[in-house]
C-alpha atoms as a PDB file:
ATOM      1  CA  MET A   1     -26.576  -4.869  19.526  1.00  0.00           C
ATOM      2  CA  THR A   2     -25.451  -1.259  18.500  1.00  0.00           C
ATOM      3  CA  GLU A   3     -23.440  -1.468  15.360  1.00  0.00           C
ATOM      4  CA  VAL A   4     -19.550  -1.317  15.505  1.00  0.00           C
ATOM      5  CA  ARG A   5     -16.982  -0.755  12.715  1.00  0.00           C
ATOM      6  CA  LEU A   6     -13.726  -2.751  12.797  1.00  0.00           C
ATOM      7  CA  LEU A   7     -10.199  -1.526  12.724  1.00  0.00           C
ATOM      8  CA  PHE A   8      -7.471  -4.385  11.869  1.00  0.00           C
ATOM      9  CA  ILE A   9      -3.913  -1.688  11.995  1.00  0.00           C
ATOM     10  CA  ALA A  10      -1.123  -1.398  14.153  1.00  0.00           C
ATOM     11  CA  ASP A  11      -2.047   0.707  17.673  1.00  0.00           C
ATOM     12  CA  ASP A  12       1.005   2.754  17.271  1.00  0.00           C
ATOM     13  CA  ASN A  13       0.096   3.935  13.721  1.00  0.00           C
ATOM     14  CA  THR A  14      -0.375   7.567  13.671  1.00  0.00           C
ATOM     15  CA  GLU A  15      -3.082   7.440  10.826  1.00  0.00           C
ATOM     16  CA  THR A  16      -5.112   4.945  13.149  1.00  0.00           C
ATOM     17  CA  ARG A  17      -5.531   7.983  15.607  1.00  0.00           C
ATOM     18  CA  ARG A  18      -6.787   9.962  13.143  1.00  0.00           C
ATOM     19  CA  ILE A  19      -9.461   8.019  11.928  1.00  0.00           C
ATOM     20  CA  LYS A  20     -10.486   6.937  15.516  1.00  0.00           C
ATOM     21  CA  LYS A  21     -10.669  10.895  16.374  1.00  0.00           C
ATOM     22  CA  HIS A  22     -13.285  10.711  13.535  1.00  0.00           C
ATOM     23  CA  LEU A  23     -15.491   7.865  14.928  1.00  0.00           C
ATOM     24  CA  PRO A  24     -17.898   8.150  17.540  1.00  0.00           C
ATOM     25  CA  VAL A  25     -16.894   6.341  21.185  1.00  0.00           C
ATOM     26  CA  GLY A  26     -17.776   2.922  20.841  1.00  0.00           C
ATOM     27  CA  SER A  27     -18.425   2.491  17.265  1.00  0.00           C
ATOM     28  CA  TYR A  28     -15.468   0.485  16.379  1.00  0.00           C
ATOM     29  CA  LEU A  29     -13.443  -2.036  17.467  1.00  0.00           C
ATOM     30  CA  HIS A  30      -9.802  -1.891  17.328  1.00  0.00           C
ATOM     31  CA  VAL A  31      -8.100  -5.100  16.711  1.00  0.00           C
ATOM     32  CA  SER A  32      -3.925  -4.422  16.494  1.00  0.00           C
ATOM     33  CA  PRO A  33      -1.274  -6.918  15.569  1.00  0.00           C
ATOM     34  CA  LEU A  34      -0.773  -7.369  19.355  1.00  0.00           C
ATOM     35  CA  TRP A  35      -4.136  -8.255  20.014  1.00  0.00           C
ATOM     36  CA  LEU A  36      -3.270 -11.817  21.267  1.00  0.00           C
ATOM     37  CA  GLU A  37      -0.257 -11.129  23.209  1.00  0.00           C
ATOM     38  CA  GLN A  38      -2.231  -8.351  24.903  1.00  0.00           C
ATOM     39  CA  GLY A  39      -4.046 -11.061  26.296  1.00  0.00           C
ATOM     40  CA  ASN A  40      -7.210 -11.005  24.346  1.00  0.00           C
ATOM     41  CA  SER A  41      -8.585 -13.701  22.675  1.00  0.00           C
ATOM     42  CA  PHE A  42      -9.881 -14.900  19.449  1.00  0.00           C
ATOM     43  CA  CYS A  43     -12.017 -18.076  18.340  1.00  0.00           C
ATOM     44  CA  TRP A  44     -13.864 -18.731  15.478  1.00  0.00           C
ATOM     45  CA  ARG A  45     -16.784 -21.827  15.040  1.00  0.00           C
ATOM     46  CA  GLU A  46     -18.324 -23.682  12.780  1.00  0.00           C
ATOM     47  CA  THR A  47     -21.422 -25.297  13.817  1.00  0.00           C
ATOM     48  CA  GLY A  48     -22.958 -26.500  10.849  1.00  0.00           C
ATOM     49  CA  THR A  49     -25.467 -24.151  10.373  1.00  0.00           C
ATOM     50  CA  GLU A  50     -23.165 -20.846  10.933  1.00  0.00           C
ATOM     51  CA  SER A  51     -20.023 -19.696  11.331  1.00  0.00           C
ATOM     52  CA  VAL A  52     -19.326 -18.172  14.498  1.00  0.00           C
ATOM     53  CA  LEU A  53     -16.307 -15.402  14.764  1.00  0.00           C
ATOM     54  CA  GLU A  54     -15.751 -14.048  18.351  1.00  0.00           C
ATOM     55  CA  PHE A  55     -13.129 -11.179  19.555  1.00  0.00           C
ATOM     56  CA  ASN A  56     -13.048 -11.676  22.941  1.00  0.00           C
ATOM     57  CA  GLU A  57     -16.814 -11.670  24.570  1.00  0.00           C
ATOM     58  CA  LEU A  58     -18.017  -9.956  20.911  1.00  0.00           C
ATOM     59  CA  ARG A  59     -19.891 -12.209  18.950  1.00  0.00           C
ATOM     60  CA  ILE A  60     -19.202 -10.607  15.317  1.00  0.00           C
ATOM     61  CA  ASP A  61     -21.589 -11.115  12.687  1.00  0.00           C
ATOM     62  CA  ALA A  62     -22.872  -9.032   9.710  1.00  0.00           C
ATOM     63  CA  ASP A  63     -25.341  -7.582  12.175  1.00  0.00           C
ATOM     64  CA  VAL A  64     -22.642  -6.239  14.182  1.00  0.00           C
ATOM     65  CA  ILE A  65     -19.699  -5.273  11.798  1.00  0.00           C
ATOM     66  CA  ARG A  66     -20.393  -3.761   8.721  1.00  0.00           C
ATOM     67  CA  SER A  67     -17.520  -2.716   7.320  1.00  0.00           C
ATOM     68  CA  VAL A  68     -13.412  -3.500   8.251  1.00  0.00           C
ATOM     69  CA  TYR A  69     -10.325  -1.429   8.091  1.00  0.00           C
ATOM     70  CA  TYR A  70      -7.664  -3.746   6.927  1.00  0.00           C
ATOM     71  CA  SER A  71      -4.198  -2.121   7.005  1.00  0.00           C
ATOM     72  CA  PRO A  72      -1.532  -4.856   8.091  1.00  0.00           C
ATOM     73  CA  GLY A  73       1.576  -3.018   7.884  1.00  0.00           C
ATOM     74  CA  ALA A  74       5.018  -4.739   7.818  1.00  0.00           C
ATOM     75  CA  ARG A  75       7.163  -6.780  10.358  1.00  0.00           C
ATOM     76  CA  LEU A  76      10.644  -8.299  10.047  1.00  0.00           C
ATOM     77  CA  ASN A  77      10.503 -11.942   9.248  1.00  0.00           C
ATOM     78  CA  ARG A  78      13.551 -14.038   9.888  1.00  0.00           C
ATOM     79  CA  SER A  79      16.084 -13.295   7.599  1.00  0.00           C
ATOM     80  CA  GLY A  80      15.857  -9.388   8.716  1.00  0.00           C
ATOM     81  CA  LEU A  81      14.019  -7.639   5.907  1.00  0.00           C
ATOM     82  CA  LEU A  82      10.412  -6.241   6.301  1.00  0.00           C
ATOM     83  CA  GLU A  83       7.305  -7.894   4.658  1.00  0.00           C
ATOM     84  CA  GLN A  84       3.843  -7.484   4.797  1.00  0.00           C
ATOM     85  CA  GLY A  85       1.779  -9.095   7.958  1.00  0.00           C
ATOM     86  CA  PRO A  86      -0.870  -8.392   9.843  1.00  0.00           C
ATOM     87  CA  LEU A  87      -0.234 -10.063  13.334  1.00  0.00           C
ATOM     88  CA  LYS A  88       2.628 -10.658  15.476  1.00  0.00           C
ATOM     89  CA  VAL A  89       3.011 -14.268  17.389  1.00  0.00           C
ATOM     90  CA  SER A  90       3.745 -14.501  21.258  1.00  0.00           C
ATOM     91  CA  GLY A  91       7.718 -14.346  21.650  1.00  0.00           C
ATOM     92  CA  LEU A  92       7.414 -16.898  23.704  1.00  0.00           C
ATOM     93  CA  LEU A  93       6.767 -19.178  20.770  1.00  0.00           C
ATOM     94  CA  ASP A  94      10.423 -21.391  20.181  1.00  0.00           C
ATOM     95  CA  GLU A  95      12.211 -19.502  17.034  1.00  0.00           C
ATOM     96  CA  THR A  96      12.412 -22.531  15.163  1.00  0.00           C
ATOM     97  CA  TYR A  97       8.178 -22.502  15.225  1.00  0.00           C
ATOM     98  CA  ALA A  98       7.765 -18.474  15.031  1.00  0.00           C
ATOM     99  CA  GLU A  99       7.255 -18.546  11.325  1.00  0.00           C
ATOM    100  CA  PHE A 100       4.632 -21.424  11.618  1.00  0.00           C
ATOM    101  CA  GLY A 101       2.675 -19.904  14.435  1.00  0.00           C
ATOM    102  CA  LEU A 102       2.294 -16.536  12.578  1.00  0.00           C
ATOM    103  CA  GLU A 103       1.253 -18.176   9.379  1.00  0.00           C
ATOM    104  CA  GLU A 104      -0.929 -20.249  11.777  1.00  0.00           C
ATOM    105  CA  THR A 105      -2.397 -17.224  13.359  1.00  0.00           C
ATOM    106  CA  ALA A 106      -2.682 -14.885  10.208  1.00  0.00           C
ATOM    107  CA  GLY A 107      -4.693 -18.286   9.000  1.00  0.00           C
ATOM    108  CA  ALA A 108      -7.209 -17.880  11.574  1.00  0.00           C
ATOM    109  CA  VAL A 109      -7.734 -14.203  12.361  1.00  0.00           C
ATOM    110  CA  VAL A 110      -7.904 -13.116   9.113  1.00  0.00           C
ATOM    111  CA  GLY A 111      -9.448 -16.135   7.457  1.00  0.00           C
ATOM    112  CA  GLY A 112     -12.389 -15.987  10.063  1.00  0.00           C
ATOM    113  CA  LEU A 113     -12.684 -12.089   9.356  1.00  0.00           C
ATOM    114  CA  LEU A 114     -13.388 -13.500   5.340  1.00  0.00           C
ATOM    115  CA  THR A 115     -16.177 -15.814   6.255  1.00  0.00           C
ATOM    116  CA  LEU A 116     -17.756 -12.127   7.015  1.00  0.00           C
ATOM    117  CA  PRO A 117     -20.249 -10.735   4.606  1.00  0.00           C
ATOM    118  CA  VAL A 118     -19.286  -7.060   5.217  1.00  0.00           C
ATOM    119  CA  ARG A 119     -17.467  -3.887   3.027  1.00  0.00           C
ATOM    120  CA  TRP A 120     -13.701  -3.957   3.344  1.00  0.00           C
ATOM    121  CA  MET A 121     -11.224  -1.220   2.963  1.00  0.00           C
ATOM    122  CA  ASN A 122      -9.316  -3.240   1.438  1.00  0.00           C
ATOM    123  CA  HIS A 123     -10.558  -6.947   1.248  1.00  0.00           C
ATOM    124  CA  PRO A 124      -7.186  -8.661   2.002  1.00  0.00           C
ATOM    125  CA  LEU A 125      -6.956 -10.793  -0.822  1.00  0.00           C
ATOM    126  CA  HIS A 126      -7.579  -7.682  -3.179  1.00  0.00           C
ATOM    127  CA  GLY A 127      -5.195  -5.924  -1.311  1.00  0.00           C
ATOM    128  CA  ARG A 128      -2.398  -8.110  -1.765  1.00  0.00           C
ATOM    129  CA  ASN A 129      -2.822  -8.575  -5.299  1.00  0.00           C
ATOM    130  CA  ALA A 130      -3.058  -5.196  -5.955  1.00  0.00           C
ATOM    131  CA  GLU A 131       0.730  -4.700  -4.922  1.00  0.00           C
ATOM    132  CA  TYR A 132       1.833  -6.761  -7.928  1.00  0.00           C
ATOM    133  CA  LYS A 133       3.939  -3.476 -10.286  1.00  0.00           C
ATOM    134  CA  LEU A 134       4.052  -4.825 -13.456  1.00  0.00           C
ATOM    135  CA  PRO A 135       0.044  -6.005 -13.661  1.00  0.00           C
ATOM    136  CA  GLN A 136      -0.263  -2.269 -12.623  1.00  0.00           C
ATOM    137  CA  LEU A 137       1.598  -0.901 -15.722  1.00  0.00           C
ATOM    138  CA  ALA A 138      -0.439  -3.043 -18.152  1.00  0.00           C
ATOM    139  CA  LEU A 139      -3.765  -2.310 -16.446  1.00  0.00           C
ATOM    140  CA  ALA A 140      -3.114   1.312 -16.100  1.00  0.00           C
ATOM    141  CA  ARG A 141      -2.056   1.837 -19.891  1.00  0.00           C
ATOM    142  CA  ALA A 142      -5.612  -0.359 -20.974  1.00  0.00           C
ATOM    143  CA  SER A 143      -7.270   2.439 -18.881  1.00  0.00           C
ATOM    144  CA  GLY A 144      -5.989   4.992 -21.106  1.00  0.00           C
ATOM    145  CA  LEU A 145      -3.288   6.215 -19.002  1.00  0.00           C
ATOM    146  CA  ARG A 146       0.585   6.648 -19.847  1.00  0.00           C
ATOM    147  CA  VAL A 147       3.028   4.371 -18.475  1.00  0.00           C
ATOM    148  CA  PRO A 148       6.740   4.794 -18.583  1.00  0.00           C
ATOM    149  CA  ARG A 149       8.603   2.566 -21.021  1.00  0.00           C
ATOM    150  CA  THR A 150       9.851  -0.603 -18.331  1.00  0.00           C
ATOM    151  CA  CYS A 151      12.066  -3.825 -19.049  1.00  0.00           C
ATOM    152  CA  VAL A 152      12.153  -6.516 -16.002  1.00  0.00           C
ATOM    153  CA  SER A 153      14.976  -9.086 -16.830  1.00  0.00           C
ATOM    154  CA  SER A 154      17.546 -11.403 -15.282  1.00  0.00           C
ATOM    155  CA  ASP A 155      19.573 -10.834 -18.270  1.00  0.00           C
ATOM    156  CA  PRO A 156      22.296  -7.859 -18.284  1.00  0.00           C
ATOM    157  CA  GLU A 157      22.697  -7.883 -21.795  1.00  0.00           C
ATOM    158  CA  ARG A 158      18.845  -7.244 -22.195  1.00  0.00           C
ATOM    159  CA  LEU A 159      18.495  -4.367 -19.498  1.00  0.00           C
ATOM    160  CA  ARG A 160      21.978  -3.055 -20.999  1.00  0.00           C
ATOM    161  CA  ALA A 161      20.338  -2.552 -24.232  1.00  0.00           C
ATOM    162  CA  PHE A 162      17.171  -1.388 -22.651  1.00  0.00           C
ATOM    163  CA  TRP A 163      19.834   1.711 -21.336  1.00  0.00           C
ATOM    164  CA  VAL A 164      21.003   2.404 -24.632  1.00  0.00           C
ATOM    165  CA  GLU A 165      17.830   2.357 -26.387  1.00  0.00           C
ATOM    166  CA  ASN A 166      16.551   5.453 -24.231  1.00  0.00           C
ATOM    167  CA  ASP A 167      20.262   7.342 -24.063  1.00  0.00           C
ATOM    168  CA  GLY A 168      20.936   6.619 -20.451  1.00  0.00           C
ATOM    169  CA  ARG A 169      17.759   7.958 -18.889  1.00  0.00           C
ATOM    170  CA  VAL A 170      17.112   5.294 -17.126  1.00  0.00           C
ATOM    171  CA  ILE A 171      15.908   4.735 -13.278  1.00  0.00           C
ATOM    172  CA  THR A 172      15.773   1.531 -11.189  1.00  0.00           C
ATOM    173  CA  LYS A 173      13.735   0.881  -8.614  1.00  0.00           C
ATOM    174  CA  ASN A 174      12.162  -2.463  -6.523  1.00  0.00           C
ATOM    175  CA  VAL A 175       9.777  -4.594  -8.430  1.00  0.00           C
ATOM    176  CA  SER A 176       8.127  -5.774  -5.066  1.00  0.00           C
ATOM    177  CA  SER A 177       6.583  -3.476  -2.432  1.00  0.00           C
ATOM    178  CA  TYR A 178       8.948  -5.040   0.795  1.00  0.00           C
ATOM    179  CA  SER A 179      11.993  -6.957  -0.563  1.00  0.00           C
ATOM    180  CA  GLY A 180      14.061  -3.485  -1.068  1.00  0.00           C
ATOM    181  CA  TRP A 181      13.458  -2.528   2.328  1.00  0.00           C
ATOM    182  CA  LYS A 182      16.654  -1.602   3.958  1.00  0.00           C
ATOM    183  CA  ILE A 183      16.845  -3.422   7.265  1.00  0.00           C
ATOM    184  CA  ALA A 184      18.535  -1.020   9.593  1.00  0.00           C
ATOM    185  CA  GLU A 185      16.574   2.003   8.561  1.00  0.00           C
ATOM    186  CA  ARG A 186      13.746   0.546   7.587  1.00  0.00           C
ATOM    187  CA  ILE A 187      12.866   2.494   4.989  1.00  0.00           C
ATOM    188  CA  PRO A 188      12.469   1.997   0.685  1.00  0.00           C
ATOM    189  CA  ALA A 189      15.071   1.725  -1.638  1.00  0.00           C
ATOM    190  CA  ILE A 190      15.444   4.324  -3.580  1.00  0.00           C
ATOM    191  CA  THR A 191      14.449   5.529  -6.952  1.00  0.00           C
ATOM    192  CA  ARG A 192      18.030   6.292  -8.948  1.00  0.00           C
ATOM    193  CA  GLN A 193      19.208   6.631 -12.499  1.00  0.00           C
ATOM    194  CA  VAL A 194      21.114   3.861 -13.659  1.00  0.00           C
ATOM    195  CA  HIS A 195      24.546   4.854 -14.747  1.00  0.00           C
ATOM    196  CA  LEU A 196      26.992   3.392 -17.092  1.00  0.00           C
ATOM    197  CA  HIS A 197      29.291   1.927 -14.265  1.00  0.00           C
ATOM    198  CA  ASP A 198      26.204   0.072 -12.839  1.00  0.00           C
ATOM    199  CA  LEU A 199      25.720  -1.803 -15.994  1.00  0.00           C
ATOM    200  CA  ASP A 200      28.954  -3.246 -15.631  1.00  0.00           C
ATOM    201  CA  GLY A 201      28.291  -4.174 -11.715  1.00  0.00           C
ATOM    202  CA  LEU A 202      24.981  -5.459 -12.709  1.00  0.00           C
ATOM    203  CA  ALA A 203      26.824  -8.266 -14.962  1.00  0.00           C
ATOM    204  CA  LEU A 204      28.515  -9.676 -11.744  1.00  0.00           C
ATOM    205  CA  ALA A 205      25.773  -9.676  -9.949  1.00  0.00           C
ATOM    206  CA  PRO A 206      23.426 -12.518  -9.070  1.00  0.00           C
ATOM    207  CA  ARG A 207      20.782 -13.390 -11.907  1.00  0.00           C
ATOM    208  CA  ILE A 208      17.600 -12.000  -9.892  1.00  0.00           C
ATOM    209  CA  PRO A 209      14.969  -9.648 -11.891  1.00  0.00           C
ATOM    210  CA  THR A 210      15.617  -5.993 -12.104  1.00  0.00           C
ATOM    211  CA  LEU A 211      13.447  -3.489 -12.925  1.00  0.00           C
ATOM    212  CA  PHE A 212      14.697  -0.590 -15.400  1.00  0.00           C
ATOM    213  CA  GLN A 213      12.313   2.240 -16.405  1.00  0.00           C
ATOM    214  CA  GLU A 214      12.609   5.510 -18.897  1.00  0.00           C
ATOM    215  CA  MET A 215      12.984   8.600 -16.311  1.00  0.00           C
ATOM    216  CA  ILE A 216      10.383  10.981 -16.919  1.00  0.00           C
ATOM    217  CA  PRO A 217      11.130  14.294 -16.582  1.00  0.00           C
ATOM    218  CA  ALA A 218       9.249  16.046 -14.030  1.00  0.00           C
ATOM    219  CA  ARG A 219       7.454  19.639 -13.503  1.00  0.00           C
ATOM    220  CA  VAL A 220       5.318  18.050 -10.788  1.00  0.00           C
ATOM    221  CA  ASP A 221       4.958  14.453  -9.054  1.00  0.00           C
ATOM    222  CA  LEU A 222       1.623  13.476  -7.670  1.00  0.00           C
ATOM    223  CA  ARG A 223      -0.004  11.020  -5.159  1.00  0.00           C
ATOM    224  CA  VAL A 224      -3.791  11.056  -5.847  1.00  0.00           C
ATOM    225  CA  THR A 225      -5.434   8.812  -2.836  1.00  0.00           C
ATOM    226  CA  LEU A 226      -8.756   7.598  -3.474  1.00  0.00           C
ATOM    227  CA  VAL A 227     -11.528   6.611  -0.656  1.00  0.00           C
ATOM    228  CA  GLY A 228     -14.627   5.113  -1.869  1.00  0.00           C
ATOM    229  CA  ASP A 229     -15.967   7.363  -4.314  1.00  0.00           C
ATOM    230  CA  GLU A 230     -13.459  10.572  -3.059  1.00  0.00           C
ATOM    231  CA  VAL A 231     -10.671  11.376  -4.844  1.00  0.00           C
ATOM    232  CA  TYR A 232      -7.557  13.788  -3.245  1.00  0.00           C
ATOM    233  CA  ALA A 233      -4.660  14.724  -5.629  1.00  0.00           C
ATOM    234  CA  ALA A 234      -1.337  16.381  -4.019  1.00  0.00           C
ATOM    235  CA  ALA A 235       0.917  18.048  -6.218  1.00  0.00           C
ATOM    236  CA  ILE A 236       4.241  17.652  -4.807  1.00  0.00           C
ATOM    237  CA  HIS A 237       6.757  20.201  -5.804  1.00  0.00           C
ATOM    238  CA  SER A 238       9.907  17.794  -5.712  1.00  0.00           C
ATOM    239  CA  GLN A 239      12.056  19.465  -8.804  1.00  0.00           C
ATOM    240  CA  GLN A 240      12.411  21.914  -5.869  1.00  0.00           C
ATOM    241  CA  GLY A 241      14.017  19.483  -3.082  1.00  0.00           C
ATOM    242  CA  THR A 242      17.272  17.748  -2.844  1.00  0.00           C
ATOM    243  CA  SER A 243      15.300  14.309  -4.058  1.00  0.00           C
ATOM    244  CA  THR A 244      14.311  15.082  -7.278  1.00  0.00           C
ATOM    245  CA  LEU A 245      13.575  11.564  -8.425  1.00  0.00           C
ATOM    246  CA  ASP A 246      12.090  10.090  -5.054  1.00  0.00           C
ATOM    247  CA  TRP A 247       9.928  12.751  -3.449  1.00  0.00           C
ATOM    248  CA  ARG A 248       9.636  10.418  -0.199  1.00  0.00           C
ATOM    249  CA  PHE A 249      13.439  11.591   0.722  1.00  0.00           C
ATOM    250  CA  ASP A 250      12.713  14.970   1.177  1.00  0.00           C
ATOM    251  CA  TYR A 251       9.456  16.157   2.568  1.00  0.00           C
ATOM    252  CA  THR A 252      10.121  19.682   2.928  1.00  0.00           C
ATOM    253  CA  VAL A 253       8.911  20.441  -0.501  1.00  0.00           C
ATOM    254  CA  PRO A 254       6.186  22.110  -0.992  1.00  0.00           C
ATOM    255  CA  MET A 255       3.021  20.027  -1.483  1.00  0.00           C
ATOM    256  CA  THR A 256      -0.338  21.740  -2.372  1.00  0.00           C
ATOM    257  CA  ARG A 257      -3.838  20.582  -3.572  1.00  0.00           C
ATOM    258  CA  PHE A 258      -4.290  20.021  -7.132  1.00  0.00           C
ATOM    259  CA  THR A 259      -7.515  19.638  -9.907  1.00  0.00           C
ATOM    260  CA  LEU A 260      -6.914  16.432 -11.827  1.00  0.00           C
ATOM    261  CA  ASP A 261      -7.632  15.928 -15.164  1.00  0.00           C
ATOM    262  CA  GLU A 262     -11.008  14.445 -15.506  1.00  0.00           C
ATOM    263  CA  SER A 263      -9.778  11.736 -18.137  1.00  0.00           C
ATOM    264  CA  VAL A 264      -7.404  10.634 -15.578  1.00  0.00           C
ATOM    265  CA  GLU A 265      -9.572  10.608 -12.825  1.00  0.00           C
ATOM    266  CA  ARG A 266     -12.082   8.427 -14.653  1.00  0.00           C
ATOM    267  CA  ALA A 267      -9.173   5.916 -15.307  1.00  0.00           C
ATOM    268  CA  LEU A 268      -7.843   5.705 -11.867  1.00  0.00           C
ATOM    269  CA  ARG A 269     -11.685   4.817 -10.713  1.00  0.00           C
ATOM    270  CA  SER A 270     -11.466   1.878 -13.682  1.00  0.00           C
ATOM    271  CA  MET A 271      -8.289   0.652 -12.070  1.00  0.00           C
ATOM    272  CA  MET A 272      -9.843   0.895  -8.883  1.00  0.00           C
ATOM    273  CA  ARG A 273     -12.899  -1.256  -9.859  1.00  0.00           C
ATOM    274  CA  GLU A 274     -10.396  -3.487 -11.413  1.00  0.00           C
ATOM    275  CA  LEU A 275      -7.981  -4.034  -8.619  1.00  0.00           C
ATOM    276  CA  GLY A 276     -11.327  -4.803  -6.291  1.00  0.00           C
ATOM    277  CA  LEU A 277     -10.034  -1.888  -3.887  1.00  0.00           C
ATOM    278  CA  THR A 278     -11.899   1.102  -2.170  1.00  0.00           C
ATOM    279  CA  TYR A 279      -8.477   2.830  -1.020  1.00  0.00           C
ATOM    280  CA  GLY A 280      -5.300   3.608  -3.068  1.00  0.00           C
ATOM    281  CA  ALA A 281      -2.838   5.681  -3.283  1.00  0.00           C
ATOM    282  CA  ALA A 282      -1.421   6.166  -6.668  1.00  0.00           C
ATOM    283  CA  ASP A 283       1.311   8.277  -7.935  1.00  0.00           C
ATOM    284  CA  PHE A 284       2.101  10.265 -11.165  1.00  0.00           C
ATOM    285  CA  ARG A 285       4.589  12.076 -12.498  1.00  0.00           C
ATOM    286  CA  VAL A 286       3.374  15.359 -14.631  1.00  0.00           C
ATOM    287  CA  THR A 287       5.807  16.273 -16.971  1.00  0.00           C
ATOM    288  CA  PRO A 288       7.177  19.805 -18.410  1.00  0.00           C
ATOM    289  CA  GLU A 289       4.507  19.331 -20.974  1.00  0.00           C
ATOM    290  CA  GLY A 290       1.658  19.040 -19.089  1.00  0.00           C
ATOM    291  CA  GLU A 291       1.180  14.827 -19.799  1.00  0.00           C
ATOM    292  CA  TYR A 292       0.124  12.550 -16.784  1.00  0.00           C
ATOM    293  CA  VAL A 293       2.393   9.883 -16.488  1.00  0.00           C
ATOM    294  CA  PHE A 294       1.313   6.850 -14.084  1.00  0.00           C
ATOM    295  CA  LEU A 295       4.080   5.058 -11.742  1.00  0.00           C
ATOM    296  CA  GLU A 296       2.101   3.070  -9.319  1.00  0.00           C
ATOM    297  CA  ILE A 297      -0.984   2.205  -7.098  1.00  0.00           C
ATOM    298  CA  ASN A 298      -0.144   1.214  -3.483  1.00  0.00           C
ATOM    299  CA  SER A 299      -3.388  -0.409  -1.720  1.00  0.00           C
ATOM    300  CA  ALA A 300      -1.654   0.735   1.735  1.00  0.00           C
ATOM    301  CA  GLY A 301       0.070   3.707   1.115  1.00  0.00           C
ATOM    302  CA  ILE A 302       0.440   6.344   3.593  1.00  0.00           C
ATOM    303  CA  PHE A 303      -2.114   9.368   3.930  1.00  0.00           C
ATOM    304  CA  GLU A 304      -1.078  11.301   6.836  1.00  0.00           C
ATOM    305  CA  PHE A 305       1.560  13.453   4.690  1.00  0.00           C
ATOM    306  CA  VAL A 306      -1.415  14.357   2.254  1.00  0.00           C
ATOM    307  CA  GLU A 307      -3.697  15.406   5.235  1.00  0.00           C
ATOM    308  CA  GLU A 308      -0.616  17.824   7.011  1.00  0.00           C
ATOM    309  CA  LEU A 309       0.663  19.393   4.241  1.00  0.00           C
ATOM    310  CA  ALA A 310      -1.856  19.289   1.573  1.00  0.00           C
ATOM    311  CA  GLY A 311      -4.972  19.434   4.119  1.00  0.00           C
ATOM    312  CA  HIS A 312      -6.939  17.148   1.866  1.00  0.00           C
ATOM    313  CA  PRO A 313      -9.539  15.950   4.846  1.00  0.00           C
ATOM    314  CA  ILE A 314      -8.457  11.881   4.128  1.00  0.00           C
ATOM    315  CA  SER A 315      -8.805  10.327   7.826  1.00  0.00           C
ATOM    316  CA  SER A 316     -12.203  11.882   7.997  1.00  0.00           C
ATOM    317  CA  ALA A 317     -13.568  10.408   4.654  1.00  0.00           C
ATOM    318  CA  ILE A 318     -12.006   7.075   5.483  1.00  0.00           C
ATOM    319  CA  ALA A 319     -14.216   7.292   9.088  1.00  0.00           C
ATOM    320  CA  ASP A 320     -17.559   8.096   6.775  1.00  0.00           C
ATOM    321  CA  TRP A 321     -17.097   5.396   4.366  1.00  0.00           C
ATOM    322  CA  LEU A 322     -16.743   3.288   7.290  1.00  0.00           C
ATOM    323  CA  LEU A 323     -19.915   4.780   8.951  1.00  0.00           C
ATOM    324  CA  ARG A 324     -21.801   4.615   6.002  1.00  0.00           C
ATOM    325  CA  THR A 325     -24.623   1.833   5.974  1.00  0.00           C
END
């Protein structure tokens, strides 16, 4: 049977269309989060001698599927917050059992895929584990990168002390990847500077861990997208825009191709190996003195704006990686 690549990603994702454009017709099977609701079927069997996985009538095994592009995206949970989720369950399922149904569906479909000896971009377990930001900072430091001084605490006095130690030049942002997303706008909470009155309010807030980090001055921000062995760096001239601390809120600023320092590239490659990733989108700030400061790496970071505004051929690189045997 002809080899096909499996795309496990939302069908309304514009990045999906960009990747498909570089894949030959008939060379891929697209399984979207709506696969089951659209009337398609899934089946996994353990025969005693082998594991058999089928999507509709297509038997999926290592002779058919050599690589999988897995980008689960996000969904609204019952509390109205966005969280990572690869599938959607039938709207006919009673709300009481909706979460259970979703977990069962994900456990079956993703679990079935995990029985395949294939190349992943990214492996679901590695991608999920890589989302923890605090190990990222420790790993980046161990890899030779400068990281911001950081304090995560549920104690308002510890956070106040950190703020004083850094002369009030402190920012706050999410510790997790999804928990801070706004419900209505579905956009991530902004990275912002912490002011003195914020500390007073923090003492009255519920005791949950809060991240404080030294504010790094920037000449430019960097988005470095890694696809297999390929590295694409883009300079984001954030200081020319209206959102100098968080460029995600002003895409009107210039974005240009950037030549990454070789030692930084080596450190990033080392981090990717340690995290088990074949795709990653890393964020840096380059200080006015030219020093690179690592902020974080996202295993499912969007690439479309880098391709569109900086001209990097990322979707083509992803397709080439998937087609490689």
